[in-house]
Amino acid sequence: MKKLAALFCAFTIVLSGCGGANKMNESQASPQNMNTKTRQSPRLEQINSPIKKLQHTKQEEVVHPKSRVETIGFLEPIDPKQSVKDVKEAENDLTYIAFFSYQVNKNGTLQPIKDWAALKEMKKTKAMPMMVLTNFHDGNFSPEIAHNIFTDKNASKTLIGSVISTMKNKGYKALNIDFEHIKEKDRELYNGFLETIIPKVQKEGFKVSTALAPKTSDKQGGAWHGAHDYKRHGELADFVILMTYEWGWSGGPPMAVAPVPQVKKVVDYAVSVIPPEKIIMGAPLYGYDWTLPYKKGNKFAKRIAPLEAHDLALKEKATVKYDNQAQAPFFNYTGDDGKKHVVWFENEQSAEAKNKLVKQYKLRGLAYWVLGEPFPENWILLHDEFNILKR
């Protein structure tokens, strides 16, 4: 939040069409649906202009109903001091802060994480700590570890006991089960594991959610999607979290991280098999900076925070453009090394487009990946449009 003043300066950048300067010959960096109008931001304008007299509006003239939502922010507790800072900055914006992650060992024991400092800080807040359980191992999600947990009764029993004792001892209030890249043939085994662990954790008084890869139909298979049974997860869990981001990813071609048409297709499918009040939609707090021209196998794109992207656009005197189809901003620039770049990121307008989906489908709320990426206008907008459920 310390960079908030810099952000207001960033809003002097004009959102313009594809024509004019900074044309690129790489097709993937030149979307065709651009907004040629400058978007005003009344809330930020008021904050940035304290001398300006604001017109008082009578209460009966205000028509601005707010939906009540639950919000989740994922925290990576790598450095204790940074984790405490992230908690302090986000505590008023979130229902849950989700600690990513407790990694499962093959025998069902858990890898410890540096969560003590952030958990201590959370006791001073009204946000609830959420334990995230994953099959993450050596930098990747492990289908082998997941399979062993599903098929080894002793390992499964050990894991369930470890989860419950950790939650009680450390003060976690909720659990998120985020098993990814499971073997597609293990779908029913995963369902069986959830049928065992979820009731036992719920019996102890904890809420349980699962993370779901973004699918548009039950027939969608593959290493990431195949083993995730939307309907069964919706029946078993208190709620689910849709991982509706990473269409644009660091190793792929340049594009919006969470293009609204693709997100909407996932939500369309999700609400067809899960009650909307049990669905939390994922939203990114980041973008990527790609070096052009993109080629498969290139060096991965750099993750960039929205505020950092605004600062970079100002520094490079780049024109920020808005793709009306993806509902996301981007800009082009040439680096100090002479190489061309394209940056896709998030801003208030793209965040508002996602908020509209939550309202349209009457979803339970939003889950943000990942805390520590400055995006002040997102939180201003969130409080303006929603009432956040707190304990």
Protein backbone atom coordinates (compact mmCIF):
# COMPACT_ATOMS: atom_id res chain seq x y z
CA MET A 1 0.00 0.00 0.00
CA LYS A 2 3.03 2.28 0.33
CA LYS A 3 3.01 2.76 -3.43
CA LEU A 4 -0.59 3.99 -3.50
CA ALA A 5 0.42 7.52 -4.46
CA ALA A 6 2.35 6.17 -7.42
CA LEU A 7 -0.70 4.27 -8.52
CA PHE A 8 -2.77 7.42 -8.80
CA CYS A 9 -0.16 8.86 -11.11
CA ALA A 10 -0.40 5.71 -13.18
CA PHE A 11 -4.03 6.48 -13.96
CA THR A 12 -2.91 9.32 -16.18
CA ILE A 13 -2.08 6.67 -18.76
CA VAL A 14 -4.67 6.78 -21.53
CA LEU A 15 -6.42 3.57 -22.52
CA SER A 16 -6.31 3.79 -26.31
CA GLY A 17 -6.95 1.75 -29.43
CA CYS A 18 -4.53 -0.40 -31.41
CA GLY A 19 -3.74 2.38 -33.84
CA GLY A 20 -0.85 4.77 -33.30
CA ALA A 21 2.47 4.16 -31.62
CA ASN A 22 3.90 0.92 -30.29
CA LYS A 23 2.56 -1.31 -33.07
CA MET A 24 3.81 -4.88 -32.88
CA ASN A 25 4.13 -7.38 -35.69
CA GLU A 26 3.55 -10.35 -33.35
CA SER A 27 -0.11 -11.31 -33.77
CA GLN A 28 -0.40 -12.73 -30.28
CA ALA A 29 0.49 -9.33 -28.83
CA SER A 30 -2.10 -7.37 -30.84
CA PRO A 31 -5.72 -8.11 -29.85
CA GLN A 32 -8.30 -6.52 -32.09
CA ASN A 33 -11.01 -5.46 -29.61
CA MET A 34 -9.76 -2.26 -28.02
CA ASN A 35 -11.45 0.40 -25.93
CA THR A 36 -10.61 3.82 -27.37
CA LYS A 37 -12.12 5.79 -24.49
CA THR A 38 -10.39 6.92 -21.33
CA ARG A 39 -11.98 5.26 -18.31
CA GLN A 40 -12.67 7.50 -15.35
CA SER A 41 -12.20 6.29 -11.78
CA PRO A 42 -14.43 8.42 -9.49
CA ARG A 43 -13.32 6.69 -6.28
CA LEU A 44 -9.62 7.23 -6.96
CA GLU A 45 -10.25 10.75 -8.18
CA GLN A 46 -11.90 11.63 -4.87
CA ILE A 47 -9.09 10.10 -2.81
CA ASN A 48 -6.48 11.90 -4.91
CA SER A 49 -8.22 15.29 -4.60
CA PRO A 50 -8.86 16.00 -0.90
CA ILE A 51 -9.30 19.75 -1.52
CA LYS A 52 -12.16 19.16 -3.95
CA LYS A 53 -15.57 19.64 -2.36
CA LEU A 54 -17.70 16.53 -2.77
CA GLN A 55 -21.38 16.95 -3.51
CA HIS A 56 -23.51 15.47 -0.73
CA THR A 57 -26.04 12.94 -1.95
CA LYS A 58 -29.25 12.29 -0.09
CA GLN A 59 -29.56 8.74 1.18
CA GLU A 60 -32.75 8.10 -0.78
CA GLU A 61 -30.92 8.98 -4.00
CA VAL A 62 -28.33 6.24 -3.51
CA VAL A 63 -29.11 2.96 -5.28
CA HIS A 64 -26.10 0.74 -4.76
CA PRO A 65 -27.01 -2.60 -3.21
CA LYS A 66 -24.06 -4.69 -2.06
CA SER A 67 -23.85 -8.46 -2.22
CA ARG A 68 -22.47 -10.30 0.79
CA VAL A 69 -19.47 -12.41 -0.19
CA GLU A 70 -16.68 -14.49 1.28
CA THR A 71 -13.17 -13.66 0.12
CA ILE A 72 -9.98 -15.72 0.28
CA GLY A 73 -6.41 -14.57 -0.22
CA PHE A 74 -3.68 -17.17 -0.74
CA LEU A 75 -0.51 -16.53 1.23
CA GLU A 76 2.89 -18.11 0.58
CA PRO A 77 4.56 -18.01 4.02
CA ILE A 78 8.16 -18.22 2.87
CA ASP A 79 9.56 -15.29 4.84
CA PRO A 80 7.91 -14.74 8.27
CA LYS A 81 8.38 -10.93 8.24
CA GLN A 82 6.91 -10.61 4.76
CA SER A 83 4.02 -12.92 5.72
CA VAL A 84 3.13 -10.71 8.70
CA LYS A 85 3.24 -7.65 6.42
CA ASP A 86 0.95 -9.36 3.90
CA VAL A 87 -1.53 -10.30 6.65
CA LYS A 88 -1.62 -6.76 8.00
CA GLU A 89 -2.26 -5.32 4.55
CA ALA A 90 -5.01 -7.79 3.64
CA GLU A 91 -6.80 -8.50 6.92
CA ASN A 92 -9.70 -6.10 6.32
CA ASP A 93 -10.29 -7.38 2.78
CA LEU A 94 -10.59 -11.11 3.45
CA THR A 95 -12.79 -13.68 5.11
CA TYR A 96 -10.00 -16.27 4.98
CA ILE A 97 -6.25 -16.13 4.52
CA ALA A 98 -5.18 -19.46 2.98
CA PHE A 99 -1.67 -20.68 3.85
CA PHE A 100 -0.15 -22.34 0.77
CA SER A 101 0.76 -25.01 1.49
CA TYR A 102 1.14 -28.03 3.71
CA GLN A 103 2.71 -30.61 1.40
CA VAL A 104 1.81 -34.25 1.82
CA ASN A 105 4.52 -36.88 2.07
CA LYS A 106 4.02 -40.33 0.57
CA ASN A 107 3.44 -41.86 4.03
CA GLY A 108 0.77 -39.30 4.96
CA THR A 109 2.90 -37.02 7.14
CA LEU A 110 3.10 -33.29 6.42
CA GLN A 111 5.95 -30.98 5.50
CA PRO A 112 6.00 -28.10 8.04
CA ILE A 113 5.79 -24.50 6.84
CA LYS A 114 6.85 -21.15 8.30
CA ASP A 115 3.36 -20.11 9.35
CA TRP A 116 3.82 -19.29 13.04
CA ALA A 117 4.44 -15.54 12.69
CA ALA A 118 1.54 -14.95 10.30
CA LEU A 119 -0.82 -17.10 12.40
CA LYS A 120 0.12 -15.10 15.50
CA GLU A 121 -0.66 -11.89 13.64
CA MET A 122 -3.98 -13.30 12.44
CA LYS A 123 -5.17 -13.73 16.03
CA LYS A 124 -5.40 -9.93 16.14
CA THR A 125 -7.65 -9.84 13.07
CA LYS A 126 -11.16 -10.88 12.09
CA ALA A 127 -9.90 -12.93 9.14
CA MET A 128 -9.80 -16.72 9.51
CA PRO A 129 -6.72 -18.84 8.76
CA MET A 130 -7.22 -21.60 6.21
CA MET A 131 -4.87 -24.56 5.90
CA VAL A 132 -4.11 -25.59 2.31
CA LEU A 133 -3.24 -29.25 1.72
CA THR A 134 -1.41 -30.17 -1.50
CA ASN A 135 0.36 -33.03 -3.26
CA PHE A 136 3.13 -30.56 -4.18
CA HIS A 137 6.64 -32.04 -4.16
CA ASP A 138 10.00 -30.80 -5.51
CA GLY A 139 8.49 -27.95 -7.50
CA ASN A 140 5.58 -29.84 -9.06
CA PHE A 141 2.31 -31.48 -8.15
CA SER A 142 2.95 -35.21 -7.75
CA PRO A 143 0.41 -37.68 -9.17
CA GLU A 144 2.36 -40.49 -7.50
CA ILE A 145 1.99 -39.04 -4.00
CA ALA A 146 -1.71 -38.49 -4.58
CA HIS A 147 -2.17 -42.05 -5.84
CA ASN A 148 -0.37 -43.47 -2.81
CA ILE A 149 -2.54 -41.48 -0.41
CA PHE A 150 -5.66 -42.70 -2.19
CA THR A 151 -4.65 -46.36 -2.16
CA ASP A 152 -2.63 -46.81 1.06
CA LYS A 153 -5.07 -46.94 4.00
CA ASN A 154 -2.33 -46.36 6.56
CA ALA A 155 -1.01 -43.32 4.70
CA SER A 156 -4.54 -41.94 4.33
CA LYS A 157 -5.28 -42.47 8.03
CA THR A 158 -1.99 -40.84 9.00
CA LEU A 159 -2.73 -37.85 6.76
CA ILE A 160 -6.21 -37.27 8.15
CA GLY A 161 -4.88 -37.44 11.69
CA SER A 162 -2.02 -35.08 10.83
CA VAL A 163 -4.40 -32.55 9.25
CA ILE A 164 -6.81 -32.49 12.19
CA SER A 165 -4.08 -32.27 14.84
CA THR A 166 -2.28 -29.49 12.94
CA MET A 167 -5.48 -27.47 12.54
CA LYS A 168 -6.29 -27.78 16.23
CA ASN A 169 -2.77 -27.07 17.47
CA LYS A 170 -2.16 -24.07 15.21
CA GLY A 171 -5.64 -22.54 15.22
CA TYR A 172 -6.70 -23.06 11.62
CA LYS A 173 -10.44 -22.59 11.05
CA ALA A 174 -10.84 -24.13 7.60
CA LEU A 175 -9.19 -26.56 5.20
CA ASN A 176 -8.67 -26.36 1.45
CA ILE A 177 -7.73 -29.58 -0.34
CA ASP A 178 -5.75 -28.70 -3.45
CA PHE A 179 -4.64 -31.92 -5.13
CA GLU A 180 -3.65 -31.27 -8.74
CA HIS A 181 -2.27 -33.18 -11.72
CA ILE A 182 -3.85 -36.36 -10.43
CA LYS A 183 -3.91 -39.32 -12.78
CA GLU A 184 -7.14 -39.19 -14.73
CA LYS A 185 -7.82 -42.86 -13.92
CA ASP A 186 -7.66 -41.94 -10.19
CA ARG A 187 -10.79 -39.79 -10.34
CA GLU A 188 -12.95 -42.19 -8.33
CA LEU A 189 -10.08 -42.85 -5.93
CA TYR A 190 -9.85 -39.11 -5.29
CA ASN A 191 -13.60 -38.95 -4.74
CA GLY A 192 -13.26 -41.80 -2.27
CA PHE A 193 -10.50 -39.99 -0.38
CA LEU A 194 -12.67 -36.87 -0.16
CA GLU A 195 -15.60 -38.98 1.05
CA THR A 196 -13.36 -40.10 3.92
CA ILE A 197 -11.47 -36.95 4.91
CA ILE A 198 -14.14 -34.26 4.51
CA PRO A 199 -16.72 -35.62 7.02
CA LYS A 200 -14.00 -36.26 9.61
CA VAL A 201 -12.64 -32.72 9.35
CA GLN A 202 -16.15 -31.25 9.35
CA LYS A 203 -16.99 -33.27 12.47
CA GLU A 204 -14.23 -31.36 14.28
CA GLY A 205 -16.01 -28.09 13.46
CA PHE A 206 -13.95 -26.97 10.46
CA LYS A 207 -15.13 -25.82 7.03
CA VAL A 208 -13.70 -27.82 4.12
CA SER A 209 -13.25 -26.70 0.52
CA THR A 210 -11.59 -28.17 -2.55
CA ALA A 211 -9.71 -26.51 -5.42
CA LEU A 212 -10.96 -27.29 -8.92
CA ALA A 213 -9.11 -26.92 -12.21
CA PRO A 214 -11.07 -24.80 -14.73
CA LYS A 215 -13.34 -27.13 -16.71
CA THR A 216 -16.13 -26.36 -19.16
CA SER A 217 -17.66 -29.85 -19.15
CA ASP A 218 -17.34 -33.14 -17.30
CA LYS A 219 -15.83 -34.67 -20.43
CA GLN A 220 -12.79 -32.42 -20.25
CA GLY A 221 -9.88 -34.69 -19.40
CA GLY A 222 -6.14 -34.47 -19.14
CA ALA A 223 -3.59 -34.35 -16.35
CA TRP A 224 -4.94 -31.19 -14.75
CA HIS A 225 -8.68 -31.54 -15.29
CA GLY A 226 -9.61 -35.20 -15.63
CA ALA A 227 -9.68 -36.31 -12.00
CA HIS A 228 -11.65 -33.29 -10.76
CA ASP A 229 -15.32 -34.26 -10.45
CA TYR A 230 -17.17 -30.96 -10.10
CA LYS A 231 -20.52 -32.45 -9.13
CA ARG A 232 -19.12 -34.78 -6.45
CA HIS A 233 -16.90 -32.08 -4.96
CA GLY A 234 -19.91 -29.79 -4.76
CA GLU A 235 -21.86 -32.48 -2.91
CA LEU A 236 -19.09 -33.23 -0.41
CA ALA A 237 -17.39 -29.92 0.36
CA ASP A 238 -18.77 -26.85 2.12
CA PHE A 239 -17.65 -24.91 -0.94
CA VAL A 240 -15.27 -25.16 -3.90
CA ILE A 241 -12.67 -22.77 -5.31
CA LEU A 242 -12.46 -22.50 -9.10
CA MET A 243 -8.89 -21.87 -10.26
CA THR A 244 -10.06 -19.51 -13.00
CA TYR A 245 -6.68 -18.11 -14.01
CA GLU A 246 -3.47 -19.07 -15.82
CA TRP A 247 -4.80 -19.10 -19.38
CA GLY A 248 -1.95 -16.70 -19.89
CA TRP A 249 0.92 -18.38 -18.06
CA SER A 250 4.65 -17.81 -17.77
CA GLY A 251 5.60 -20.59 -20.19
CA GLY A 252 2.84 -20.01 -22.72
CA PRO A 253 2.03 -17.42 -25.39
CA PRO A 254 1.17 -13.87 -24.30
CA MET A 255 -2.47 -13.38 -23.34
CA ALA A 256 -4.63 -12.30 -20.42
CA VAL A 257 -4.16 -14.41 -17.28
CA ALA A 258 -7.92 -14.65 -16.69
CA PRO A 259 -9.82 -13.65 -19.85
CA VAL A 260 -13.46 -13.11 -18.92
CA PRO A 261 -15.02 -15.19 -21.75
CA GLN A 262 -13.03 -18.25 -20.68
CA VAL A 263 -13.76 -17.63 -17.00
CA LYS A 264 -17.46 -17.30 -17.80
CA LYS A 265 -17.52 -20.66 -19.61
CA VAL A 266 -16.07 -22.35 -16.51
CA VAL A 267 -18.63 -20.68 -14.26
CA ASP A 268 -21.43 -21.64 -16.67
CA TYR A 269 -20.47 -25.29 -16.28
CA ALA A 270 -19.83 -25.06 -12.54
CA VAL A 271 -23.27 -23.64 -11.71
CA SER A 272 -24.90 -26.38 -13.78
CA VAL A 273 -23.68 -29.04 -11.32
CA ILE A 274 -22.87 -27.12 -8.10
CA PRO A 275 -25.13 -24.65 -6.25
CA PRO A 276 -23.77 -21.13 -6.91
CA GLU A 277 -23.73 -20.37 -3.19
CA LYS A 278 -21.03 -23.06 -2.85
CA ILE A 279 -18.77 -21.62 -5.59
CA ILE A 280 -15.88 -19.24 -5.00
CA MET A 281 -14.34 -17.91 -8.21
CA GLY A 282 -10.59 -17.44 -8.49
CA ALA A 283 -9.09 -14.10 -9.53
CA PRO A 284 -5.44 -13.15 -10.18
CA LEU A 285 -3.51 -10.39 -8.43
CA TYR A 286 -0.75 -10.54 -11.03
CA GLY A 287 0.17 -10.49 -14.70
CA TYR A 288 3.16 -11.45 -16.85
CA ASP A 289 5.86 -9.64 -18.81
CA TRP A 290 6.77 -11.62 -21.97
CA THR A 291 9.81 -11.07 -24.19
CA LEU A 292 8.87 -11.01 -27.89
CA PRO A 293 8.72 -12.71 -30.25
CA TYR A 294 7.26 -15.57 -28.25
CA LYS A 295 8.54 -19.03 -29.06
CA LYS A 296 7.75 -22.24 -27.24
CA GLY A 297 10.66 -23.08 -24.99
CA ASN A 298 11.65 -19.45 -24.45
CA LYS A 299 12.66 -18.21 -21.03
CA PHE A 300 9.54 -18.03 -18.86
CA ALA A 301 7.76 -14.70 -18.58
CA LYS A 302 8.28 -12.67 -15.42
CA ARG A 303 5.35 -12.40 -12.99
CA ILE A 304 4.43 -8.77 -12.41
CA ALA A 305 2.10 -7.11 -9.88
CA PRO A 306 -0.56 -4.71 -11.21
CA LEU A 307 1.00 -1.72 -9.44
CA GLU A 308 4.42 -2.70 -10.78
CA ALA A 309 2.95 -2.92 -14.29
CA HIS A 310 1.52 0.61 -13.98
CA ASP A 311 4.89 1.91 -12.80
CA LEU A 312 6.65 0.17 -15.70
CA ALA A 313 4.23 1.64 -18.23
CA LEU A 314 4.90 5.12 -16.86
CA LYS A 315 8.65 4.59 -16.88
CA GLU A 316 8.62 3.34 -20.48
CA LYS A 317 6.03 5.95 -21.57
CA ALA A 318 3.98 3.04 -22.92
CA THR A 319 0.34 3.34 -23.96
CA VAL A 320 -1.87 1.02 -21.93
CA LYS A 321 -4.50 -0.61 -24.13
CA TYR A 322 -7.59 -2.56 -23.13
CA ASP A 323 -8.79 -5.73 -24.84
CA ASN A 324 -12.58 -5.52 -24.76
CA GLN A 325 -12.98 -9.22 -25.47
CA ALA A 326 -10.59 -10.56 -22.82
CA GLN A 327 -11.49 -7.67 -20.49
CA ALA A 328 -7.85 -7.10 -19.60
CA PRO A 329 -5.22 -4.36 -20.09
CA PHE A 330 -1.83 -4.74 -21.78
CA PHE A 331 0.99 -2.65 -23.17
CA ASN A 332 4.13 -2.99 -25.29
CA TYR A 333 7.57 -1.57 -24.60
CA THR A 334 11.20 -2.00 -25.61
CA GLY A 335 13.60 -3.00 -22.82
CA ASP A 336 17.03 -1.55 -22.10
CA ASP A 337 18.52 -4.48 -24.01
CA GLY A 338 16.57 -3.51 -27.14
CA LYS A 339 14.19 -6.47 -26.91
CA LYS A 340 10.46 -5.96 -27.34
CA HIS A 341 8.06 -6.92 -24.56
CA VAL A 342 4.33 -7.23 -23.97
CA VAL A 343 2.77 -7.05 -20.51
CA TRP A 344 -0.67 -8.40 -19.71
CA PHE A 345 -1.89 -7.50 -16.24
CA GLU A 346 -4.94 -6.56 -14.14
CA ASN A 347 -6.44 -3.16 -13.36
CA GLU A 348 -9.63 -1.78 -11.82
CA GLN A 349 -11.59 -2.30 -15.02
CA SER A 350 -10.61 -5.96 -15.38
CA ALA A 351 -11.29 -6.57 -11.68
CA GLU A 352 -14.72 -5.00 -12.04
CA ALA A 353 -15.50 -7.33 -14.96
CA LYS A 354 -14.82 -10.33 -12.70
CA ASN A 355 -16.87 -8.85 -9.86
CA LYS A 356 -19.80 -8.61 -12.26
CA LEU A 357 -19.63 -12.37 -12.81
CA VAL A 358 -19.85 -12.97 -9.06
CA LYS A 359 -22.95 -10.76 -8.93
CA GLN A 360 -24.49 -12.18 -12.10
CA TYR A 361 -24.25 -15.80 -10.95
CA LYS A 362 -24.78 -15.02 -7.25
CA LEU A 363 -21.58 -16.85 -6.34
CA ARG A 364 -20.27 -17.30 -2.81
CA GLY A 365 -17.31 -15.02 -3.43
CA LEU A 366 -13.76 -14.56 -4.74
CA ALA A 367 -10.39 -16.21 -4.08
CA TYR A 368 -7.25 -14.21 -4.89
CA TRP A 369 -3.91 -15.63 -5.96
CA VAL A 370 -1.59 -14.40 -4.51
CA LEU A 371 -1.09 -11.98 -1.61
CA GLY A 372 2.00 -9.79 -1.70
CA GLU A 373 1.35 -8.52 -5.24
CA PRO A 374 0.31 -4.84 -4.81
CA PHE A 375 -3.07 -4.08 -6.41
CA PRO A 376 -4.63 -1.33 -4.24
CA GLU A 377 -7.50 -0.45 -6.56
CA ASN A 378 -8.78 -4.04 -6.43
CA TRP A 379 -9.41 -3.75 -2.69
CA ILE A 380 -11.01 -0.32 -3.02
CA LEU A 381 -13.35 -1.73 -5.65
CA LEU A 382 -14.07 -4.86 -3.59
CA HIS A 383 -15.26 -2.85 -0.58
CA ASP A 384 -17.22 -0.51 -2.82
CA GLU A 385 -19.18 -3.35 -4.42
CA PHE A 386 -19.46 -6.03 -1.73
CA ASN A 387 -19.95 -6.59 1.98
CA ILE A 388 -17.22 -9.00 3.11
CA LEU A 389 -18.24 -11.72 5.54
CA LYS A 390 -16.05 -11.74 8.66
CA ARG A 391 -16.03 -14.01 11.73
